[in-house]
Every structure is written in C-alpha cells, then in structure tokens.
Amino acid sequence: MRKQDKTETATSQAATDPAVVAQPVLTADGAQAVDAEGRPLFTAPVVPVARTNPMAVVALVLGVLGGSILPIIFGHIARAQIRRTGESGAGMALAGLILGYATTVIGIGLLIVFLVLANSASSF
C-alpha cells in the first residue's frame, strides 16, 4: 500500500469513526483550553493501527521455508483468530496455507513417483 493510500485511508477513517475524532484539551478545572489568541485547543486524532496476527506471520514463514504440516496448522489457527479478533494478516495466513498444501501435495506426489520407480527397478 502506498503512503498516499494509507493517508487517504486514515483520513476517511477519521471522518467516519467517532473514536478517531480530535478531542478538546481540558484544563485542570475541566474548562476547554485555549491558545494565546483564544482559539480552542484539540488533541491530534489518533488512528488505531490493526495488529498483525503472529500466527499468520509464522504460517507464511514456515510455508516459504518449505514446511508442509506446520504452515497448514498455523494458517488455520491464524485465520480463526483473525475472524474472531479482527487483526490483520489474513493474506499472510492464506499464503501460508497455500504454500503448506502445495508442499504437501508435491511431497506426496514425489513419494508416489519414488515408490513406483523403486518397485519397477526391483522387478527387473
């Protein structure tokens, strides 16, 4: 995502999310603080940042490293957690799952080829 896209997303989120709206600065007695020219002071809006699910990161790393079973396990756990908590990282979890399943299918295919070749070689 480009920096401009992030800024646009933050701006549009700030406009629609009441939790992101700037809050007035209050003095100790509860009155709104003002600057030297009498203008009211506000805090800067804070845009919450979605946390990336660590299980999704692990699933992707294990998938890239060529694991077969572990990326599948971590990927499914991560996707369930992401649906439940709203964290980011769904793409990483899915990529880990795809790589894990692909590695498993390739491994099983190679095992079958090896067994067939070993059986045919012992027949001669």
Protein backbone atom coordinates (compact mmCIF):
# COMPACT_ATOMS: atom_id res chain seq x y z
CA MET A 1 0.00 0.00 0.00
CA ARG A 2 1.43 3.37 -0.97
CA LYS A 3 1.93 6.08 1.65
CA GLN A 4 -0.73 8.23 0.00
CA ASP A 5 -3.23 5.33 0.20
CA LYS A 6 -2.53 4.96 3.92
CA THR A 7 -3.07 8.68 4.43
CA GLU A 8 -6.30 8.60 2.46
CA THR A 9 -7.48 5.57 4.43
CA ALA A 10 -6.62 7.25 7.73
CA THR A 11 -8.36 10.44 6.64
CA SER A 12 -11.51 8.63 5.53
CA GLN A 13 -11.50 6.54 8.69
CA ALA A 14 -11.08 9.68 10.81
CA ALA A 15 -14.10 11.22 9.12
CA THR A 16 -16.35 8.22 9.77
CA ASP A 17 -15.08 6.79 13.07
CA PRO A 18 -16.12 8.80 16.16
CA ALA A 19 -13.26 7.29 18.18
CA VAL A 20 -10.77 8.93 15.80
CA VAL A 21 -12.15 12.49 16.06
CA ALA A 22 -9.92 15.08 17.75
CA GLN A 23 -10.83 15.63 21.40
CA PRO A 24 -10.76 19.03 23.14
CA VAL A 25 -7.90 19.72 25.54
CA LEU A 26 -9.25 20.38 29.03
CA THR A 27 -7.65 22.38 31.83
CA ALA A 28 -7.42 21.14 35.43
CA ASP A 29 -10.78 22.72 36.27
CA GLY A 30 -12.48 20.99 33.29
CA ALA A 31 -12.73 24.04 31.02
CA GLN A 32 -11.57 23.82 27.43
CA ALA A 33 -8.01 25.08 26.99
CA VAL A 34 -7.34 27.90 24.54
CA ASP A 35 -4.18 29.18 22.86
CA ALA A 36 -2.75 32.72 23.15
CA GLU A 37 -5.19 34.01 20.53
CA GLY A 38 -8.24 32.47 22.21
CA ARG A 39 -8.71 29.55 19.81
CA PRO A 40 -9.71 26.23 21.43
CA LEU A 41 -7.05 23.51 21.59
CA PHE A 42 -7.68 19.97 20.39
CA THR A 43 -5.65 16.78 20.50
CA ALA A 44 -4.50 15.24 17.25
CA PRO A 45 -6.78 12.44 16.06
CA VAL A 46 -5.32 9.01 16.70
CA VAL A 47 -5.99 6.37 14.09
CA PRO A 48 -5.86 2.87 15.58
CA VAL A 49 -3.47 0.53 13.79
CA ALA A 50 -4.58 -3.06 13.30
CA ARG A 51 -2.16 -5.53 14.87
CA THR A 52 -0.83 -8.31 12.64
CA ASN A 53 -1.60 -11.79 13.88
CA PRO A 54 1.69 -13.51 14.81
CA MET A 55 0.37 -16.95 13.83
CA ALA A 56 -0.18 -15.63 10.29
CA VAL A 57 3.44 -14.49 10.14
CA VAL A 58 4.62 -17.90 11.37
CA ALA A 59 2.42 -19.69 8.81
CA LEU A 60 3.85 -17.61 5.97
CA VAL A 61 7.47 -18.04 7.10
CA LEU A 62 7.09 -21.80 7.50
CA GLY A 63 5.34 -22.02 4.13
CA VAL A 64 8.19 -20.14 2.42
CA LEU A 65 10.76 -22.36 4.15
CA GLY A 66 9.06 -25.42 2.69
CA GLY A 67 7.21 -26.83 5.67
CA SER A 68 4.19 -28.96 4.91
CA ILE A 69 2.16 -29.67 8.03
CA LEU A 70 3.11 -26.75 10.30
CA PRO A 71 2.09 -23.94 7.91
CA ILE A 72 -1.28 -25.62 7.49
CA ILE A 73 -1.82 -25.84 11.25
CA PHE A 74 -0.63 -22.29 11.94
CA GLY A 75 -2.55 -20.92 8.94
CA HIS A 76 -5.87 -22.38 10.08
CA ILE A 77 -5.33 -21.20 13.66
CA ALA A 78 -4.40 -17.72 12.41
CA ARG A 79 -7.47 -17.45 10.17
CA ALA A 80 -9.75 -18.41 13.07
CA GLN A 81 -8.09 -15.87 15.35
CA ILE A 82 -8.27 -13.15 12.68
CA ARG A 83 -12.00 -13.75 12.17
CA ARG A 84 -12.54 -13.63 15.93
CA THR A 85 -10.33 -10.62 16.81
CA GLY A 86 -10.29 -8.53 13.63
CA GLU A 87 -6.49 -8.47 13.47
CA SER A 88 -4.72 -8.04 10.16
CA GLY A 89 -2.72 -10.77 8.44
CA ALA A 90 -5.42 -12.74 6.64
CA GLY A 91 -3.40 -12.66 3.41
CA MET A 92 -0.30 -13.98 5.13
CA ALA A 93 -2.28 -16.79 6.75
CA LEU A 94 -3.83 -17.72 3.40
CA ALA A 95 -0.45 -17.62 1.65
CA GLY A 96 0.98 -19.90 4.36
CA LEU A 97 -1.92 -22.31 3.89
CA ILE A 98 -1.50 -22.37 0.11
CA LEU A 99 2.25 -22.95 0.37
CA GLY A 100 1.74 -25.64 3.03
CA TYR A 101 -0.87 -27.52 1.00
CA ALA A 102 1.20 -27.17 -2.20
CA THR A 103 4.30 -28.53 -0.44
CA THR A 104 2.27 -31.43 0.96
CA VAL A 105 0.79 -32.33 -2.45
CA ILE A 106 4.21 -32.11 -4.13
CA GLY A 107 5.77 -34.23 -1.37
CA ILE A 108 3.10 -36.92 -1.69
CA GLY A 109 3.47 -36.87 -5.48
CA LEU A 110 7.25 -37.29 -5.25
CA LEU A 111 6.81 -40.11 -2.74
CA ILE A 112 4.46 -41.94 -5.12
CA VAL A 113 6.86 -41.46 -8.04
CA PHE A 114 9.76 -42.71 -5.93
CA LEU A 115 7.83 -45.78 -4.77
CA VAL A 116 6.73 -46.61 -8.31
CA LEU A 117 10.27 -46.24 -9.64
CA ALA A 118 11.71 -48.29 -6.76
CA ASN A 119 9.14 -51.04 -7.34
CA SER A 120 9.75 -51.12 -11.08
CA ALA A 121 13.53 -51.21 -10.57
CA SER A 122 13.27 -54.18 -8.22
CA SER A 123 11.10 -56.07 -10.75
CA PHE A 124 13.94 -56.41 -13.24
